[in-house]
N, C-alpha and C. Protein backbone atom coordinates (compact mmCIF):
# COMPACT_ATOMS: atom_id res chain seq x y z
N MET A 1 0.82 -1.19 0.00
CA MET A 1 0.00 0.00 0.00
C MET A 1 0.87 1.26 0.00
N LYS A 2 1.94 1.26 0.80
CA LYS A 2 2.84 2.41 0.84
C LYS A 2 3.41 2.69 -0.54
N ARG A 3 3.77 1.63 -1.25
CA ARG A 3 4.37 1.79 -2.57
C ARG A 3 3.39 2.44 -3.54
N GLN A 4 2.12 2.05 -3.48
CA GLN A 4 1.11 2.65 -4.35
C GLN A 4 0.98 4.13 -4.06
N GLY A 5 1.01 4.50 -2.77
CA GLY A 5 0.94 5.92 -2.41
C GLY A 5 2.12 6.69 -2.94
N ALA A 6 3.32 6.10 -2.86
CA ALA A 6 4.52 6.76 -3.36
C ALA A 6 4.45 6.91 -4.88
N VAL A 7 3.96 5.89 -5.56
CA VAL A 7 3.83 5.96 -7.02
C VAL A 7 2.82 7.05 -7.40
N GLY A 8 1.71 7.11 -6.68
CA GLY A 8 0.71 8.14 -6.95
C GLY A 8 1.28 9.53 -6.73
N PHE A 9 2.05 9.71 -5.66
CA PHE A 9 2.67 11.01 -5.37
C PHE A 9 3.64 11.38 -6.48
N LEU A 10 4.44 10.42 -6.94
CA LEU A 10 5.39 10.70 -8.03
C LEU A 10 4.66 11.06 -9.31
N LEU A 11 3.56 10.38 -9.61
CA LEU A 11 2.78 10.73 -10.81
C LEU A 11 2.22 12.14 -10.69
N LEU A 12 1.76 12.51 -9.49
CA LEU A 12 1.26 13.86 -9.27
C LEU A 12 2.38 14.88 -9.49
N LEU A 13 3.57 14.58 -8.98
CA LEU A 13 4.69 15.49 -9.16
C LEU A 13 5.09 15.61 -10.62
N LEU A 14 5.10 14.49 -11.34
CA LEU A 14 5.42 14.54 -12.76
C LEU A 14 4.39 15.37 -13.52
N TRP A 15 3.13 15.20 -13.18
CA TRP A 15 2.08 16.00 -13.81
C TRP A 15 2.30 17.48 -13.52
N ALA A 16 2.63 17.80 -12.27
CA ALA A 16 2.83 19.21 -11.90
C ALA A 16 4.05 19.79 -12.59
N CYS A 17 5.04 18.94 -12.90
CA CYS A 17 6.28 19.42 -13.52
C CYS A 17 6.21 19.44 -15.03
N SER A 18 5.16 18.88 -15.59
CA SER A 18 5.09 18.83 -17.05
C SER A 18 5.12 20.25 -17.60
N SER A 19 5.74 20.39 -18.75
CA SER A 19 5.88 21.74 -19.30
C SER A 19 4.51 22.28 -19.65
N SER A 20 4.28 23.50 -19.22
CA SER A 20 3.00 24.12 -19.52
C SER A 20 3.11 24.95 -20.78
N ASP A 21 2.01 25.20 -21.41
CA ASP A 21 2.03 26.06 -22.57
C ASP A 21 1.97 27.51 -22.09
N SER A 22 1.96 28.43 -23.00
CA SER A 22 1.97 29.84 -22.61
C SER A 22 0.57 30.43 -22.64
N THR A 23 -0.42 29.65 -22.28
CA THR A 23 -1.80 30.14 -22.27
C THR A 23 -2.27 30.39 -20.85
N GLY A 24 -1.48 31.12 -20.11
CA GLY A 24 -1.91 31.51 -18.77
C GLY A 24 -1.37 30.67 -17.64
N GLU A 25 -0.20 30.11 -17.79
CA GLU A 25 0.36 29.25 -16.74
C GLU A 25 1.66 29.80 -16.19
N LEU A 26 2.09 29.20 -15.09
CA LEU A 26 3.40 29.47 -14.51
C LEU A 26 4.34 28.35 -14.93
N GLU A 27 5.56 28.71 -15.29
CA GLU A 27 6.56 27.71 -15.66
C GLU A 27 7.74 27.83 -14.72
N PHE A 28 8.31 26.67 -14.36
CA PHE A 28 9.47 26.60 -13.48
C PHE A 28 10.64 26.09 -14.31
N ARG A 29 11.72 26.89 -14.35
CA ARG A 29 12.86 26.52 -15.18
C ARG A 29 14.14 26.49 -14.36
N ASN A 30 14.97 25.50 -14.67
CA ASN A 30 16.33 25.40 -14.14
C ASN A 30 16.41 25.44 -12.62
N PHE A 31 15.41 24.89 -11.94
CA PHE A 31 15.50 24.87 -10.48
C PHE A 31 16.50 23.82 -10.03
N ARG A 32 17.29 24.18 -9.02
CA ARG A 32 18.29 23.29 -8.46
C ARG A 32 18.49 23.65 -6.99
N ALA A 33 18.84 22.65 -6.21
CA ALA A 33 19.18 22.86 -4.81
C ALA A 33 20.68 22.64 -4.65
N THR A 34 21.27 23.31 -3.68
CA THR A 34 22.69 23.12 -3.40
C THR A 34 22.86 21.96 -2.41
N PRO A 35 24.01 21.31 -2.43
CA PRO A 35 24.27 20.26 -1.44
C PRO A 35 24.31 20.84 -0.02
N GLY A 36 24.05 20.01 0.96
CA GLY A 36 24.13 20.43 2.36
C GLY A 36 24.06 19.24 3.28
N LYS A 37 24.58 19.42 4.48
CA LYS A 37 24.57 18.35 5.48
C LYS A 37 23.33 18.45 6.37
N GLU A 38 22.87 17.30 6.84
CA GLU A 38 21.73 17.25 7.74
C GLU A 38 21.93 18.22 8.90
N GLY A 39 20.89 18.99 9.21
CA GLY A 39 20.95 19.95 10.30
C GLY A 39 21.46 21.32 9.88
N PHE A 40 22.06 21.40 8.70
CA PHE A 40 22.58 22.67 8.19
C PHE A 40 21.64 23.20 7.11
N ASN A 41 22.09 24.20 6.36
CA ASN A 41 21.25 24.86 5.38
C ASN A 41 21.72 24.58 3.95
N ALA A 42 20.82 24.78 3.02
CA ALA A 42 21.11 24.72 1.59
C ALA A 42 20.26 25.80 0.92
N ALA A 43 20.47 26.02 -0.35
CA ALA A 43 19.73 27.04 -1.08
C ALA A 43 19.06 26.43 -2.31
N LEU A 44 18.07 27.15 -2.80
CA LEU A 44 17.31 26.73 -3.97
C LEU A 44 17.31 27.89 -4.94
N TYR A 45 17.66 27.61 -6.21
CA TYR A 45 17.74 28.63 -7.25
C TYR A 45 16.94 28.18 -8.46
N GLY A 46 16.47 29.12 -9.26
CA GLY A 46 15.76 28.81 -10.48
C GLY A 46 14.96 30.01 -10.95
N VAL A 47 14.14 29.79 -11.96
CA VAL A 47 13.37 30.87 -12.58
C VAL A 47 11.90 30.47 -12.65
N ILE A 48 11.02 31.42 -12.29
CA ILE A 48 9.59 31.22 -12.48
C ILE A 48 9.14 32.20 -13.56
N GLU A 49 8.48 31.66 -14.56
CA GLU A 49 7.94 32.50 -15.63
C GLU A 49 6.44 32.60 -15.47
N ASN A 50 5.94 33.83 -15.44
CA ASN A 50 4.51 34.10 -15.32
C ASN A 50 3.97 34.40 -16.71
N ASN A 51 3.29 33.43 -17.30
CA ASN A 51 2.70 33.58 -18.63
C ASN A 51 1.25 34.02 -18.57
N THR A 52 0.84 34.60 -17.44
CA THR A 52 -0.54 35.04 -17.30
C THR A 52 -0.66 36.53 -17.59
N ASP A 53 -1.88 37.02 -17.61
CA ASP A 53 -2.15 38.44 -17.83
C ASP A 53 -2.21 39.22 -16.51
N PHE A 54 -1.89 38.56 -15.39
CA PHE A 54 -2.00 39.18 -14.08
C PHE A 54 -0.70 39.00 -13.30
N PRO A 55 -0.37 39.94 -12.42
CA PRO A 55 0.77 39.71 -11.54
C PRO A 55 0.45 38.55 -10.61
N GLU A 56 1.44 37.79 -10.26
CA GLU A 56 1.26 36.67 -9.35
C GLU A 56 2.25 36.82 -8.20
N THR A 57 1.79 36.60 -6.99
CA THR A 57 2.65 36.70 -5.82
C THR A 57 2.98 35.30 -5.31
N LEU A 58 4.28 35.00 -5.27
CA LEU A 58 4.74 33.78 -4.63
C LEU A 58 4.78 34.08 -3.14
N ARG A 59 3.90 33.45 -2.37
CA ARG A 59 3.79 33.74 -0.94
C ARG A 59 4.78 32.92 -0.11
N THR A 60 4.81 31.62 -0.33
CA THR A 60 5.68 30.75 0.46
C THR A 60 6.21 29.61 -0.40
N VAL A 61 7.28 29.02 0.09
CA VAL A 61 7.87 27.83 -0.50
C VAL A 61 8.09 26.86 0.65
N THR A 62 7.74 25.59 0.43
CA THR A 62 7.97 24.57 1.46
C THR A 62 8.60 23.34 0.84
N SER A 63 9.28 22.57 1.68
CA SER A 63 9.87 21.32 1.24
C SER A 63 10.02 20.40 2.44
N PRO A 64 9.67 19.13 2.27
CA PRO A 64 9.89 18.19 3.37
C PRO A 64 11.38 17.95 3.64
N ALA A 65 12.25 18.44 2.77
CA ALA A 65 13.70 18.26 2.96
C ALA A 65 14.25 19.14 4.08
N ALA A 66 13.49 20.20 4.47
CA ALA A 66 13.98 21.14 5.48
C ALA A 66 12.91 21.41 6.52
N LYS A 67 13.36 21.72 7.73
CA LYS A 67 12.41 22.08 8.79
C LYS A 67 11.74 23.42 8.48
N VAL A 68 12.51 24.35 7.91
CA VAL A 68 12.01 25.67 7.57
C VAL A 68 12.47 26.02 6.16
N THR A 69 11.59 26.63 5.38
CA THR A 69 11.94 27.09 4.05
C THR A 69 11.51 28.55 3.94
N GLU A 70 12.44 29.43 3.55
CA GLU A 70 12.14 30.86 3.49
C GLU A 70 12.65 31.47 2.20
N ILE A 71 11.91 32.46 1.71
CA ILE A 71 12.39 33.28 0.60
C ILE A 71 13.30 34.34 1.22
N HIS A 72 14.50 34.50 0.65
CA HIS A 72 15.48 35.46 1.15
C HIS A 72 15.96 36.35 0.02
N ARG A 73 16.57 37.46 0.43
CA ARG A 73 17.24 38.35 -0.51
C ARG A 73 18.57 38.75 0.11
N THR A 74 19.62 38.74 -0.70
CA THR A 74 20.91 39.20 -0.23
C THR A 74 20.97 40.71 -0.42
N VAL A 75 21.30 41.42 0.66
CA VAL A 75 21.44 42.88 0.60
C VAL A 75 22.87 43.22 1.03
N HIS A 76 23.39 44.31 0.47
CA HIS A 76 24.74 44.76 0.79
C HIS A 76 24.66 46.08 1.54
N THR A 77 25.23 46.08 2.74
CA THR A 77 25.26 47.28 3.57
C THR A 77 26.69 47.50 4.04
N ASP A 78 27.24 48.66 3.71
CA ASP A 78 28.61 48.99 4.10
C ASP A 78 29.60 47.90 3.68
N GLY A 79 29.39 47.37 2.48
CA GLY A 79 30.31 46.36 1.95
C GLY A 79 30.12 44.98 2.52
N ILE A 80 29.10 44.78 3.34
CA ILE A 80 28.84 43.47 3.94
C ILE A 80 27.56 42.90 3.35
N ALA A 81 27.63 41.67 2.86
CA ALA A 81 26.45 41.00 2.31
C ALA A 81 25.72 40.27 3.44
N MET A 82 24.41 40.50 3.52
CA MET A 82 23.59 39.83 4.52
C MET A 82 22.31 39.32 3.87
N MET A 83 21.83 38.19 4.37
CA MET A 83 20.57 37.65 3.88
C MET A 83 19.44 38.19 4.74
N GLN A 84 18.35 38.56 4.09
CA GLN A 84 17.16 39.01 4.80
C GLN A 84 15.97 38.20 4.33
N PRO A 85 15.17 37.69 5.26
CA PRO A 85 13.93 37.01 4.86
C PRO A 85 12.99 37.98 4.15
N VAL A 86 12.19 37.44 3.25
CA VAL A 86 11.20 38.23 2.51
C VAL A 86 9.84 37.60 2.82
N PRO A 87 9.30 37.88 4.03
CA PRO A 87 8.07 37.20 4.45
C PRO A 87 6.84 37.56 3.63
N GLU A 88 6.87 38.71 2.95
CA GLU A 88 5.72 39.12 2.14
C GLU A 88 5.69 38.41 0.79
N GLY A 89 6.74 37.64 0.47
CA GLY A 89 6.81 36.95 -0.81
C GLY A 89 7.32 37.87 -1.91
N VAL A 90 7.23 37.40 -3.12
CA VAL A 90 7.71 38.18 -4.27
C VAL A 90 6.64 38.23 -5.34
N VAL A 91 6.57 39.36 -6.01
CA VAL A 91 5.59 39.56 -7.08
C VAL A 91 6.26 39.28 -8.42
N ILE A 92 5.59 38.48 -9.23
CA ILE A 92 6.07 38.18 -10.57
C ILE A 92 5.11 38.89 -11.53
N PRO A 93 5.57 39.94 -12.21
CA PRO A 93 4.68 40.68 -13.11
C PRO A 93 4.16 39.78 -14.25
N PRO A 94 3.05 40.17 -14.87
CA PRO A 94 2.52 39.38 -15.99
C PRO A 94 3.52 39.31 -17.15
N HIS A 95 3.56 38.17 -17.79
CA HIS A 95 4.40 37.94 -18.97
C HIS A 95 5.86 38.31 -18.70
N SER A 96 6.37 37.87 -17.55
CA SER A 96 7.77 38.13 -17.21
C SER A 96 8.30 36.99 -16.35
N THR A 97 9.58 37.07 -16.01
CA THR A 97 10.21 36.04 -15.20
C THR A 97 10.73 36.64 -13.90
N PHE A 98 10.90 35.77 -12.92
CA PHE A 98 11.52 36.14 -11.65
C PHE A 98 12.60 35.11 -11.38
N SER A 99 13.82 35.58 -11.14
CA SER A 99 14.96 34.68 -10.93
C SER A 99 15.37 34.62 -9.46
N PHE A 100 15.59 33.41 -9.00
CA PHE A 100 16.21 33.15 -7.71
C PHE A 100 17.63 32.71 -8.05
N ARG A 101 18.62 33.52 -7.60
CA ARG A 101 20.01 33.23 -7.98
C ARG A 101 20.95 33.63 -6.85
N PRO A 102 22.16 33.08 -6.87
CA PRO A 102 23.13 33.42 -5.82
C PRO A 102 23.38 34.93 -5.78
N GLY A 103 23.44 35.47 -4.56
CA GLY A 103 23.73 36.88 -4.38
C GLY A 103 22.55 37.79 -4.55
N ASP A 104 21.35 37.24 -4.73
CA ASP A 104 20.15 38.04 -4.95
C ASP A 104 19.00 37.34 -4.22
N TYR A 105 17.84 37.31 -4.82
CA TYR A 105 16.75 36.53 -4.24
C TYR A 105 17.09 35.05 -4.34
N HIS A 106 16.77 34.29 -3.30
CA HIS A 106 17.00 32.85 -3.29
C HIS A 106 16.06 32.24 -2.25
N ILE A 107 15.99 30.94 -2.23
CA ILE A 107 15.14 30.23 -1.29
C ILE A 107 16.06 29.43 -0.37
N MET A 108 15.93 29.66 0.93
CA MET A 108 16.76 28.96 1.90
C MET A 108 16.04 27.72 2.42
N LEU A 109 16.76 26.61 2.41
CA LEU A 109 16.31 25.37 3.02
C LEU A 109 17.04 25.30 4.36
N ILE A 110 16.34 25.56 5.45
CA ILE A 110 16.96 25.73 6.77
C ILE A 110 16.77 24.48 7.61
N GLN A 111 17.83 24.03 8.24
CA GLN A 111 17.86 22.83 9.07
C GLN A 111 17.40 21.61 8.25
N LEU A 112 18.25 21.22 7.34
CA LEU A 112 17.94 20.07 6.49
C LEU A 112 17.61 18.84 7.33
N ARG A 113 16.60 18.11 6.92
CA ARG A 113 16.19 16.89 7.62
C ARG A 113 17.09 15.71 7.27
N ARG A 114 17.80 15.84 6.15
CA ARG A 114 18.77 14.81 5.73
C ARG A 114 19.82 15.51 4.88
N SER A 115 20.97 14.88 4.75
CA SER A 115 22.02 15.45 3.90
C SER A 115 21.58 15.41 2.45
N LEU A 116 21.95 16.44 1.70
CA LEU A 116 21.65 16.52 0.27
C LEU A 116 22.96 16.45 -0.49
N SER A 117 23.08 15.46 -1.34
CA SER A 117 24.28 15.28 -2.16
C SER A 117 23.95 15.50 -3.62
N VAL A 118 24.96 15.86 -4.41
CA VAL A 118 24.78 16.04 -5.84
C VAL A 118 24.13 14.78 -6.42
N GLY A 119 23.07 14.98 -7.19
CA GLY A 119 22.35 13.86 -7.79
C GLY A 119 21.07 13.50 -7.05
N ASP A 120 20.95 13.92 -5.78
CA ASP A 120 19.71 13.69 -5.04
C ASP A 120 18.60 14.58 -5.61
N SER A 121 17.36 14.29 -5.23
CA SER A 121 16.22 15.11 -5.61
C SER A 121 15.39 15.40 -4.38
N ILE A 122 14.72 16.57 -4.38
CA ILE A 122 13.82 16.93 -3.29
C ILE A 122 12.51 17.45 -3.89
N GLU A 123 11.45 17.34 -3.11
CA GLU A 123 10.16 17.88 -3.51
C GLU A 123 10.05 19.30 -2.95
N VAL A 124 9.44 20.18 -3.74
CA VAL A 124 9.26 21.57 -3.33
C VAL A 124 7.85 22.01 -3.74
N ALA A 125 7.19 22.73 -2.82
CA ALA A 125 5.86 23.27 -3.09
C ALA A 125 5.92 24.80 -3.08
N PHE A 126 5.36 25.41 -4.10
CA PHE A 126 5.30 26.87 -4.23
C PHE A 126 3.84 27.29 -4.06
N SER A 127 3.57 28.18 -3.09
CA SER A 127 2.20 28.64 -2.83
C SER A 127 2.04 30.07 -3.32
N PHE A 128 1.00 30.29 -4.10
CA PHE A 128 0.76 31.58 -4.75
C PHE A 128 -0.52 32.23 -4.24
N ALA A 129 -0.64 33.53 -4.48
CA ALA A 129 -1.83 34.27 -4.08
C ALA A 129 -3.03 33.92 -4.94
N ARG A 130 -2.85 33.80 -6.24
CA ARG A 130 -3.96 33.58 -7.17
C ARG A 130 -4.04 32.13 -7.66
N LYS A 131 -2.92 31.59 -8.06
CA LYS A 131 -2.88 30.25 -8.64
C LYS A 131 -2.80 29.19 -7.55
N PRO A 132 -3.22 27.97 -7.87
CA PRO A 132 -3.04 26.87 -6.90
C PRO A 132 -1.55 26.59 -6.67
N SER A 133 -1.26 25.96 -5.56
CA SER A 133 0.13 25.58 -5.28
C SER A 133 0.68 24.72 -6.40
N GLN A 134 1.96 24.89 -6.66
CA GLN A 134 2.65 24.12 -7.70
C GLN A 134 3.71 23.26 -7.03
N TYR A 135 3.83 22.01 -7.45
CA TYR A 135 4.76 21.06 -6.86
C TYR A 135 5.76 20.63 -7.92
N ILE A 136 7.05 20.70 -7.57
CA ILE A 136 8.08 20.27 -8.50
C ILE A 136 9.11 19.42 -7.77
N VAL A 137 9.86 18.66 -8.53
CA VAL A 137 11.00 17.90 -8.02
C VAL A 137 12.24 18.60 -8.49
N VAL A 138 13.16 18.86 -7.56
CA VAL A 138 14.36 19.64 -7.85
C VAL A 138 15.58 18.76 -7.61
N SER A 139 16.52 18.78 -8.54
CA SER A 139 17.77 18.05 -8.39
C SER A 139 18.77 18.85 -7.59
N VAL A 140 19.61 18.14 -6.85
CA VAL A 140 20.70 18.77 -6.12
C VAL A 140 21.90 18.83 -7.05
N LYS A 141 22.42 20.04 -7.22
CA LYS A 141 23.56 20.27 -8.11
C LYS A 141 24.54 21.20 -7.43
N ARG A 142 25.75 21.23 -7.93
CA ARG A 142 26.72 22.22 -7.43
C ARG A 142 26.21 23.59 -7.79
N ARG A 143 26.59 24.54 -7.00
CA ARG A 143 26.15 25.93 -7.18
C ARG A 143 26.45 26.39 -8.57
């Protein structure tokens, strides 16, 4: 029974990850997680494309791979780079992209529940203001 549930979950994830057309959908491109040790942190990078006619707000990101998942932005003050949480989420304008990349906006996977090595995969859920949550599988790659 457990195996059937896992297969069903994987089919749901594959469906959610299938490439969408440009008729009003969100697309997730080049998402990857960085390696990290259990109990420590890792980051998530990639691009979300908003192919809709409306702005969309990414409110939260979650993953069973981490105890806490937060949207962050790197800010520079007096020559020092610091990460700041972005609890209000990020707005993706219509017909545009939003990039999560090193040194800018990124998603922190805080207190990993297990070590993440290159080649591993994790599940990630993106919750939006207007659209239903989107679920993708992300590979662990070097930065």
